Amino acid sequence: MRRQYGFLACLAVTLGAFLVNTPTASATGVVSNGIPWTDDLNPIPQPLGVIDFCTMGVVGTDSLGNKIGISAAHCVDDAPDGAPVYRYSPTGPREHLGNIAYRSPGGGTGVDWVVIRLNADAVLTSNGPSARVDGIGASDPVGPHCKDGAGTGVHCGSITSQNMTRFYSDAQSGGGDSGGPVLQNNTEIVGMVRGFDTALFAFEYIKFAAVLDGISAQPNPVGKGFVVTDN
């Protein structure tokens, strides 16, 4: 489904003249699950039906304190590790969010996940535009669930089958949803949007447990010990 589918108030001190250092605004701004993102800096005309953004699956921190975003690798099949990624806007300007750290072996044809090292000044929140993600759910999810995507929004359904790295469902996804979160128990991520399997005639999702296993197996320490933002 490649491209398809606060500031602290200054305290007034009357007993003397004091300078109070207040935090500066974040240049990166708020980053959450569910936002549209892209590896293309400049908006360019796209053929009819082609959508040039994907959806952030989840944000959090790793054991080193890095701010991390996770989404689908097929969104960046044409961008190398280290390349910048941007907050999507249809007309620009597009703000730099961070850089690709690495992806699943095989990229979009593998388990299909990408680790994005977000800018250090990014403000992470559990509350996305349409959904909240504040925890990790079952490794092998079953039953009802909902997915969120920047392309088509929230759709719910039930899991129809699964394997080691995927589960399949009648919950609809579409253009721009790739990498978006799949949730159970309202706010727990169990997967990410991948596409549509024509053989099974079902919507395809990446198991989040398989993503975490893949990250743990990589030599790069970025992303390891990932903890979902809960605020």
C-alpha atoms as a PDB file:
ATOM      1  CA  MET A   1       0.000   0.000   0.000  1.00  0.00           C
ATOM      2  CA  ARG A   2       2.894   2.281  -0.855  1.00  0.00           C
ATOM      3  CA  ARG A   3       1.479   5.824  -0.657  1.00  0.00           C
ATOM      4  CA  GLN A   4      -1.837   4.439  -1.551  1.00  0.00           C
ATOM      5  CA  TYR A   5      -3.598   3.269   0.400  1.00  0.00           C
ATOM      6  CA  GLY A   6       3.387  25.187  27.556  1.00  0.00           C
ATOM      7  CA  PHE A   7       5.098  27.482  28.683  1.00  0.00           C
ATOM      8  CA  LEU A   8       5.633  27.926  32.380  1.00  0.00           C
ATOM      9  CA  ALA A   9       4.394  31.303  33.531  1.00  0.00           C
ATOM     10  CA  CYS A  10       7.151  33.614  34.730  1.00  0.00           C
ATOM     11  CA  LEU A  11       6.918  34.182  38.446  1.00  0.00           C
ATOM     12  CA  ALA A  12       6.826  37.804  39.492  1.00  0.00           C
ATOM     13  CA  VAL A  13       9.283  38.273  42.330  1.00  0.00           C
ATOM     14  CA  THR A  14       8.895  41.477  44.307  1.00  0.00           C
ATOM     15  CA  LEU A  15      11.818  40.985  46.709  1.00  0.00           C
ATOM     16  CA  GLY A  16      14.433  41.762  44.094  1.00  0.00           C
ATOM     17  CA  ALA A  17      15.184  41.708  40.423  1.00  0.00           C
ATOM     18  CA  PHE A  18      15.550  38.149  39.113  1.00  0.00           C
ATOM     19  CA  LEU A  19      15.818  36.779  35.629  1.00  0.00           C
ATOM     20  CA  VAL A  20      13.596  33.740  35.101  1.00  0.00           C
ATOM     21  CA  ASN A  21      14.540  31.308  32.306  1.00  0.00           C
ATOM     22  CA  THR A  22      11.446  30.010  30.534  1.00  0.00           C
ATOM     23  CA  PRO A  23      11.341  27.168  28.000  1.00  0.00           C
ATOM     24  CA  THR A  24      11.414  28.195  24.368  1.00  0.00           C
ATOM     25  CA  ALA A  25       8.824  26.941  21.894  1.00  0.00           C
ATOM     26  CA  SER A  26       9.610  23.659  20.194  1.00  0.00           C
ATOM     27  CA  ALA A  27      10.580  24.115  16.567  1.00  0.00           C
ATOM     28  CA  THR A  28       9.378  20.597  15.789  1.00  0.00           C
ATOM     29  CA  GLY A  29       6.110  20.959  17.659  1.00  0.00           C
ATOM     30  CA  VAL A  30       3.766  18.213  18.821  1.00  0.00           C
ATOM     31  CA  VAL A  31       4.216  14.745  17.353  1.00  0.00           C
ATOM     32  CA  SER A  32       1.693  11.966  17.950  1.00  0.00           C
ATOM     33  CA  ASN A  33       0.247   8.830  16.496  1.00  0.00           C
ATOM     34  CA  GLY A  34      -2.091   9.365  13.581  1.00  0.00           C
ATOM     35  CA  ILE A  35      -0.371  12.347  11.976  1.00  0.00           C
ATOM     36  CA  PRO A  36       0.464  12.284   8.258  1.00  0.00           C
ATOM     37  CA  TRP A  37       4.173  12.205   7.404  1.00  0.00           C
ATOM     38  CA  THR A  38       6.319  11.863   4.294  1.00  0.00           C
ATOM     39  CA  ASP A  39       9.909  11.555   3.116  1.00  0.00           C
ATOM     40  CA  ASP A  40       9.305  14.181   0.387  1.00  0.00           C
ATOM     41  CA  LEU A  41      10.266  17.726   1.388  1.00  0.00           C
ATOM     42  CA  ASN A  42       8.536  19.502  -1.466  1.00  0.00           C
ATOM     43  CA  PRO A  43       4.950  19.011  -2.619  1.00  0.00           C
ATOM     44  CA  ILE A  44       4.868  17.715  -6.191  1.00  0.00           C
ATOM     45  CA  PRO A  45       1.905  16.868  -8.419  1.00  0.00           C
ATOM     46  CA  GLN A  46       0.836  13.243  -8.049  1.00  0.00           C
ATOM     47  CA  PRO A  47      -1.071  11.070 -10.519  1.00  0.00           C
ATOM     48  CA  LEU A  48      -4.765  10.688  -9.776  1.00  0.00           C
ATOM     49  CA  GLY A  49      -5.286   8.162  -6.993  1.00  0.00           C
ATOM     50  CA  VAL A  50      -1.717   8.329  -5.651  1.00  0.00           C
ATOM     51  CA  ILE A  51      -1.355   9.619  -2.105  1.00  0.00           C
ATOM     52  CA  ASP A  52       2.111  10.765  -1.049  1.00  0.00           C
ATOM     53  CA  PHE A  53       1.907  10.437   2.728  1.00  0.00           C
ATOM     54  CA  CYS A  54       1.653   7.763   5.385  1.00  0.00           C
ATOM     55  CA  THR A  55       0.467   7.719   9.006  1.00  0.00           C
ATOM     56  CA  MET A  56       2.555   7.701  12.186  1.00  0.00           C
ATOM     57  CA  GLY A  57       1.784   4.512  14.085  1.00  0.00           C
ATOM     58  CA  VAL A  58       3.016   5.356  17.547  1.00  0.00           C
ATOM     59  CA  VAL A  59       5.482   7.633  19.355  1.00  0.00           C
ATOM     60  CA  GLY A  60       7.540   7.087  22.492  1.00  0.00           C
ATOM     61  CA  THR A  61      11.056   6.854  23.848  1.00  0.00           C
ATOM     62  CA  ASP A  62      13.783   4.225  23.806  1.00  0.00           C
ATOM     63  CA  SER A  63      16.132   3.092  26.569  1.00  0.00           C
ATOM     64  CA  LEU A  64      18.658   5.769  25.552  1.00  0.00           C
ATOM     65  CA  GLY A  65      16.087   8.542  25.887  1.00  0.00           C
ATOM     66  CA  ASN A  66      15.690   9.104  22.158  1.00  0.00           C
ATOM     67  CA  LYS A  67      12.292  10.232  20.950  1.00  0.00           C
ATOM     68  CA  ILE A  68      11.022   7.614  18.513  1.00  0.00           C
ATOM     69  CA  GLY A  69       8.281   7.253  15.933  1.00  0.00           C
ATOM     70  CA  ILE A  70       7.343   3.914  14.349  1.00  0.00           C
ATOM     71  CA  SER A  71       5.467   3.414  11.085  1.00  0.00           C
ATOM     72  CA  ALA A  72       5.535   1.225   7.963  1.00  0.00           C
ATOM     73  CA  ALA A  73       8.776   0.674   6.030  1.00  0.00           C
ATOM     74  CA  HIS A  74       7.123   0.579   2.608  1.00  0.00           C
ATOM     75  CA  CYS A  75       6.451   4.299   3.081  1.00  0.00           C
ATOM     76  CA  VAL A  76      10.195   4.947   2.637  1.00  0.00           C
ATOM     77  CA  ASP A  77      11.231   2.227   0.198  1.00  0.00           C
ATOM     78  CA  ASP A  78      12.883   4.894  -1.976  1.00  0.00           C
ATOM     79  CA  ALA A  79      14.670   6.709   0.894  1.00  0.00           C
ATOM     80  CA  PRO A  80      17.884   5.484   2.560  1.00  0.00           C
ATOM     81  CA  ASP A  81      18.485   5.120   6.273  1.00  0.00           C
ATOM     82  CA  GLY A  82      19.460   8.510   7.669  1.00  0.00           C
ATOM     83  CA  ALA A  83      17.151  10.393   5.309  1.00  0.00           C
ATOM     84  CA  PRO A  84      14.927  13.120   6.794  1.00  0.00           C
ATOM     85  CA  VAL A  85      11.183  12.805   7.180  1.00  0.00           C
ATOM     86  CA  TYR A  86       8.653  15.609   7.370  1.00  0.00           C
ATOM     87  CA  ARG A  87       5.245  16.511   8.711  1.00  0.00           C
ATOM     88  CA  TYR A  88       2.978  16.261   5.685  1.00  0.00           C
ATOM     89  CA  SER A  89       1.119  19.245   4.365  1.00  0.00           C
ATOM     90  CA  PRO A  90      -0.393  19.232   0.871  1.00  0.00           C
ATOM     91  CA  THR A  91       0.988  22.626  -0.145  1.00  0.00           C
ATOM     92  CA  GLY A  92       3.964  23.080   2.194  1.00  0.00           C
ATOM     93  CA  PRO A  93       6.054  24.109   3.909  1.00  0.00           C
ATOM     94  CA  ARG A  94       6.846  20.697   5.330  1.00  0.00           C
ATOM     95  CA  GLU A  95       8.501  20.667   8.755  1.00  0.00           C
ATOM     96  CA  HIS A  96      11.392  18.346   9.514  1.00  0.00           C
ATOM     97  CA  LEU A  97      10.329  15.788  12.153  1.00  0.00           C
ATOM     98  CA  GLY A  98      13.395  13.571  12.352  1.00  0.00           C
ATOM     99  CA  ASN A  99      15.378  11.012  10.385  1.00  0.00           C
ATOM    100  CA  ILE A 100      15.064   7.382   9.430  1.00  0.00           C
ATOM    101  CA  ALA A 101      17.128   5.327  11.874  1.00  0.00           C
ATOM    102  CA  TYR A 102      16.657   1.947  10.171  1.00  0.00           C
ATOM    103  CA  ARG A 103      13.958  -0.403   8.947  1.00  0.00           C
ATOM    104  CA  SER A 104      12.980  -4.059   9.008  1.00  0.00           C
ATOM    105  CA  PRO A 105      15.203  -6.367   6.950  1.00  0.00           C
ATOM    106  CA  GLY A 106      13.733  -6.394   3.468  1.00  0.00           C
ATOM    107  CA  GLY A 107      12.082  -3.035   4.011  1.00  0.00           C
ATOM    108  CA  GLY A 108       8.505  -2.997   2.828  1.00  0.00           C
ATOM    109  CA  THR A 109       8.703  -6.614   1.708  1.00  0.00           C
ATOM    110  CA  GLY A 110       9.832  -7.755   5.178  1.00  0.00           C
ATOM    111  CA  VAL A 111       7.923  -7.408   8.411  1.00  0.00           C
ATOM    112  CA  ASP A 112       7.461  -3.819   7.229  1.00  0.00           C
ATOM    113  CA  TRP A 113       8.369  -1.339   9.967  1.00  0.00           C
ATOM    114  CA  VAL A 114      10.573   1.730  10.143  1.00  0.00           C
ATOM    115  CA  VAL A 115      12.127   3.394  13.190  1.00  0.00           C
ATOM    116  CA  ILE A 116      12.232   7.200  12.991  1.00  0.00           C
ATOM    117  CA  ARG A 117      14.496   9.077  15.384  1.00  0.00           C
ATOM    118  CA  LEU A 118      12.480  12.211  16.070  1.00  0.00           C
ATOM    119  CA  ASN A 119      14.058  15.589  16.730  1.00  0.00           C
ATOM    120  CA  ALA A 120      15.120  16.065  20.338  1.00  0.00           C
ATOM    121  CA  ASP A 121      12.788  19.042  20.742  1.00  0.00           C
ATOM    122  CA  ALA A 122       9.694  17.154  19.552  1.00  0.00           C
ATOM    123  CA  VAL A 123       6.833  17.302  22.046  1.00  0.00           C
ATOM    124  CA  LEU A 124       5.352  13.807  22.259  1.00  0.00           C
ATOM    125  CA  THR A 125       1.716  13.195  23.113  1.00  0.00           C
ATOM    126  CA  SER A 126      -0.486  10.111  23.405  1.00  0.00           C
ATOM    127  CA  ASN A 127      -3.397  11.967  21.854  1.00  0.00           C
ATOM    128  CA  GLY A 128      -3.479  11.834  18.084  1.00  0.00           C
ATOM    129  CA  PRO A 129      -5.876  13.679  15.816  1.00  0.00           C
ATOM    130  CA  SER A 130      -8.442  10.871  16.082  1.00  0.00           C
ATOM    131  CA  ALA A 131      -7.178   8.300  18.587  1.00  0.00           C
ATOM    132  CA  ARG A 132      -5.186   7.927  21.784  1.00  0.00           C
ATOM    133  CA  VAL A 133      -2.317   5.442  22.028  1.00  0.00           C
ATOM    134  CA  ASP A 134      -0.828   5.014  25.498  1.00  0.00           C
ATOM    135  CA  GLY A 135       0.090   1.341  25.777  1.00  0.00           C
ATOM    136  CA  ILE A 136       0.895  -1.924  24.023  1.00  0.00           C
ATOM    137  CA  GLY A 137      -1.717  -4.645  23.705  1.00  0.00           C
ATOM    138  CA  ALA A 138      -1.775  -8.373  23.002  1.00  0.00           C
ATOM    139  CA  SER A 139       1.026 -10.007  21.025  1.00  0.00           C
ATOM    140  CA  ASP A 140      -1.464 -12.141  19.087  1.00  0.00           C
ATOM    141  CA  PRO A 141      -4.641 -10.079  19.013  1.00  0.00           C
ATOM    142  CA  VAL A 142      -8.028 -11.633  18.331  1.00  0.00           C
ATOM    143  CA  GLY A 143     -11.516 -10.260  17.946  1.00  0.00           C
ATOM    144  CA  PRO A 144     -12.654  -6.679  17.450  1.00  0.00           C
ATOM    145  CA  HIS A 145     -10.298  -3.759  16.965  1.00  0.00           C
ATOM    146  CA  CYS A 146     -10.144  -0.305  15.389  1.00  0.00           C
ATOM    147  CA  LYS A 147      -7.577   1.282  13.117  1.00  0.00           C
ATOM    148  CA  ASP A 148      -6.783   4.939  12.574  1.00  0.00           C
ATOM    149  CA  GLY A 149      -5.258   6.459   9.469  1.00  0.00           C
ATOM    150  CA  ALA A 150      -4.594   9.967   8.201  1.00  0.00           C
ATOM    151  CA  GLY A 151      -6.212   9.002   4.910  1.00  0.00           C
ATOM    152  CA  THR A 152      -9.544   7.456   5.845  1.00  0.00           C
ATOM    153  CA  GLY A 153      -9.823   7.936   9.610  1.00  0.00           C
ATOM    154  CA  VAL A 154     -11.106   5.413  12.131  1.00  0.00           C
ATOM    155  CA  HIS A 155     -12.642   2.102  11.040  1.00  0.00           C
ATOM    156  CA  CYS A 156     -13.410  -0.916  13.193  1.00  0.00           C
ATOM    157  CA  GLY A 157     -13.843  -4.590  12.498  1.00  0.00           C
ATOM    158  CA  SER A 158     -12.790  -8.073  13.568  1.00  0.00           C
ATOM    159  CA  ILE A 159      -9.685 -10.148  12.963  1.00  0.00           C
ATOM    160  CA  THR A 160     -10.358 -12.986  10.534  1.00  0.00           C
ATOM    161  CA  SER A 161      -6.966 -14.748  10.439  1.00  0.00           C
ATOM    162  CA  GLN A 162      -3.314 -14.262  11.366  1.00  0.00           C
ATOM    163  CA  ASN A 163       0.235 -15.588  11.150  1.00  0.00           C
ATOM    164  CA  MET A 164       3.505 -14.820  12.910  1.00  0.00           C
ATOM    165  CA  THR A 165       3.840 -11.231  11.672  1.00  0.00           C
ATOM    166  CA  ARG A 166       0.414 -10.302  10.256  1.00  0.00           C
ATOM    167  CA  PHE A 167      -3.251 -10.332  11.047  1.00  0.00           C
ATOM    168  CA  TYR A 168      -6.118  -9.846   8.634  1.00  0.00           C
ATOM    169  CA  SER A 169      -9.398  -8.100   9.183  1.00  0.00           C
ATOM    170  CA  ASP A 170     -12.549  -6.653   7.703  1.00  0.00           C
ATOM    171  CA  ALA A 171     -11.662  -3.256   9.234  1.00  0.00           C
ATOM    172  CA  GLN A 172     -11.292  -0.943   6.230  1.00  0.00           C
ATOM    173  CA  SER A 173      -8.118   0.974   5.439  1.00  0.00           C
ATOM    174  CA  GLY A 174      -7.223   3.096   2.439  1.00  0.00           C
ATOM    175  CA  GLY A 175      -4.894   5.611   0.859  1.00  0.00           C
ATOM    176  CA  GLY A 176      -2.565   7.381   3.301  1.00  0.00           C
ATOM    177  CA  ASP A 177      -3.366   5.036   6.203  1.00  0.00           C
ATOM    178  CA  SER A 178      -0.180   2.956   5.892  1.00  0.00           C
ATOM    179  CA  GLY A 179       1.660   2.668   9.201  1.00  0.00           C
ATOM    180  CA  GLY A 180      -1.308   3.919  11.214  1.00  0.00           C
ATOM    181  CA  PRO A 181      -2.140   2.329  14.571  1.00  0.00           C
ATOM    182  CA  VAL A 182      -4.477  -0.601  15.178  1.00  0.00           C
ATOM    183  CA  LEU A 183      -5.987  -0.540  18.658  1.00  0.00           C
ATOM    184  CA  GLN A 184      -7.677  -2.803  21.158  1.00  0.00           C
ATOM    185  CA  ASN A 185      -8.954  -1.870  24.629  1.00  0.00           C
ATOM    186  CA  ASN A 186      -9.413   1.617  23.191  1.00  0.00           C
ATOM    187  CA  THR A 187      -5.808   2.847  23.520  1.00  0.00           C
ATOM    188  CA  GLU A 188      -3.441  -0.142  23.240  1.00  0.00           C
ATOM    189  CA  ILE A 189      -1.557  -0.613  19.989  1.00  0.00           C
ATOM    190  CA  VAL A 190      -1.548  -4.153  18.599  1.00  0.00           C
ATOM    191  CA  GLY A 191      -0.645  -3.464  14.965  1.00  0.00           C
ATOM    192  CA  MET A 192      -0.128  -1.058  12.092  1.00  0.00           C
ATOM    193  CA  VAL A 193      -1.821  -0.671   8.717  1.00  0.00           C
ATOM    194  CA  ARG A 194      -0.087  -2.406   5.816  1.00  0.00           C
ATOM    195  CA  GLY A 195      -2.502  -2.826   2.921  1.00  0.00           C
ATOM    196  CA  PHE A 196      -4.952  -5.251   1.339  1.00  0.00           C
ATOM    197  CA  ASP A 197      -4.363  -8.927   0.666  1.00  0.00           C
ATOM    198  CA  THR A 198      -6.115  -9.840  -2.565  1.00  0.00           C
ATOM    199  CA  ALA A 199      -5.741 -13.595  -2.006  1.00  0.00           C
ATOM    200  CA  LEU A 200      -7.451 -13.487   1.387  1.00  0.00           C
ATOM    201  CA  PHE A 201      -9.664 -10.573   0.353  1.00  0.00           C
ATOM    202  CA  ALA A 202      -8.958  -8.930   3.694  1.00  0.00           C
ATOM    203  CA  PHE A 203      -7.200  -5.854   5.006  1.00  0.00           C
ATOM    204  CA  GLU A 204      -3.656  -6.581   6.142  1.00  0.00           C
ATOM    205  CA  TYR A 205      -2.056  -5.385   9.367  1.00  0.00           C
ATOM    206  CA  ILE A 206       1.453  -5.702  10.865  1.00  0.00           C
ATOM    207  CA  LYS A 207       1.598  -7.225  14.352  1.00  0.00           C
ATOM    208  CA  PHE A 208       3.177  -4.716  16.714  1.00  0.00           C
ATOM    209  CA  ALA A 209       4.755  -7.538  18.702  1.00  0.00           C
ATOM    210  CA  ALA A 210       6.631  -8.554  15.537  1.00  0.00           C
ATOM    211  CA  VAL A 211       7.812  -4.949  15.178  1.00  0.00           C
ATOM    212  CA  LEU A 212       9.212  -4.888  18.711  1.00  0.00           C
ATOM    213  CA  ASP A 213      10.869  -8.283  18.203  1.00  0.00           C
ATOM    214  CA  GLY A 214      12.488  -6.987  15.035  1.00  0.00           C
ATOM    215  CA  ILE A 215      13.768  -3.839  16.712  1.00  0.00           C
ATOM    216  CA  SER A 216      15.252  -5.884  19.555  1.00  0.00           C
ATOM    217  CA  ALA A 217      17.138  -8.039  17.055  1.00  0.00           C
ATOM    218  CA  GLN A 218      18.911  -5.120  15.358  1.00  0.00           C
ATOM    219  CA  PRO A 219      22.459  -4.048  16.273  1.00  0.00           C
ATOM    220  CA  ASN A 220      21.485  -0.374  16.229  1.00  0.00           C
ATOM    221  CA  PRO A 221      20.562   0.651  19.811  1.00  0.00           C
ATOM    222  CA  VAL A 222      18.156   3.366  18.676  1.00  0.00           C
ATOM    223  CA  GLY A 223      14.595   2.246  19.311  1.00  0.00           C
ATOM    224  CA  LYS A 224      15.448  -0.587  21.686  1.00  0.00           C
ATOM    225  CA  GLY A 225      13.475  -0.676  24.918  1.00  0.00           C
ATOM    226  CA  PHE A 226      10.687   1.297  23.239  1.00  0.00           C
ATOM    227  CA  VAL A 227       8.066   2.677  25.639  1.00  0.00           C
ATOM    228  CA  VAL A 228       4.862   4.252  24.333  1.00  0.00           C
ATOM    229  CA  THR A 229       4.267   7.847  25.371  1.00  0.00           C
ATOM    230  CA  ASP A 230       1.587   8.052  28.057  1.00  0.00           C
ATOM    231  CA  ASN A 231       0.639  11.633  28.839  1.00  0.00           C
END
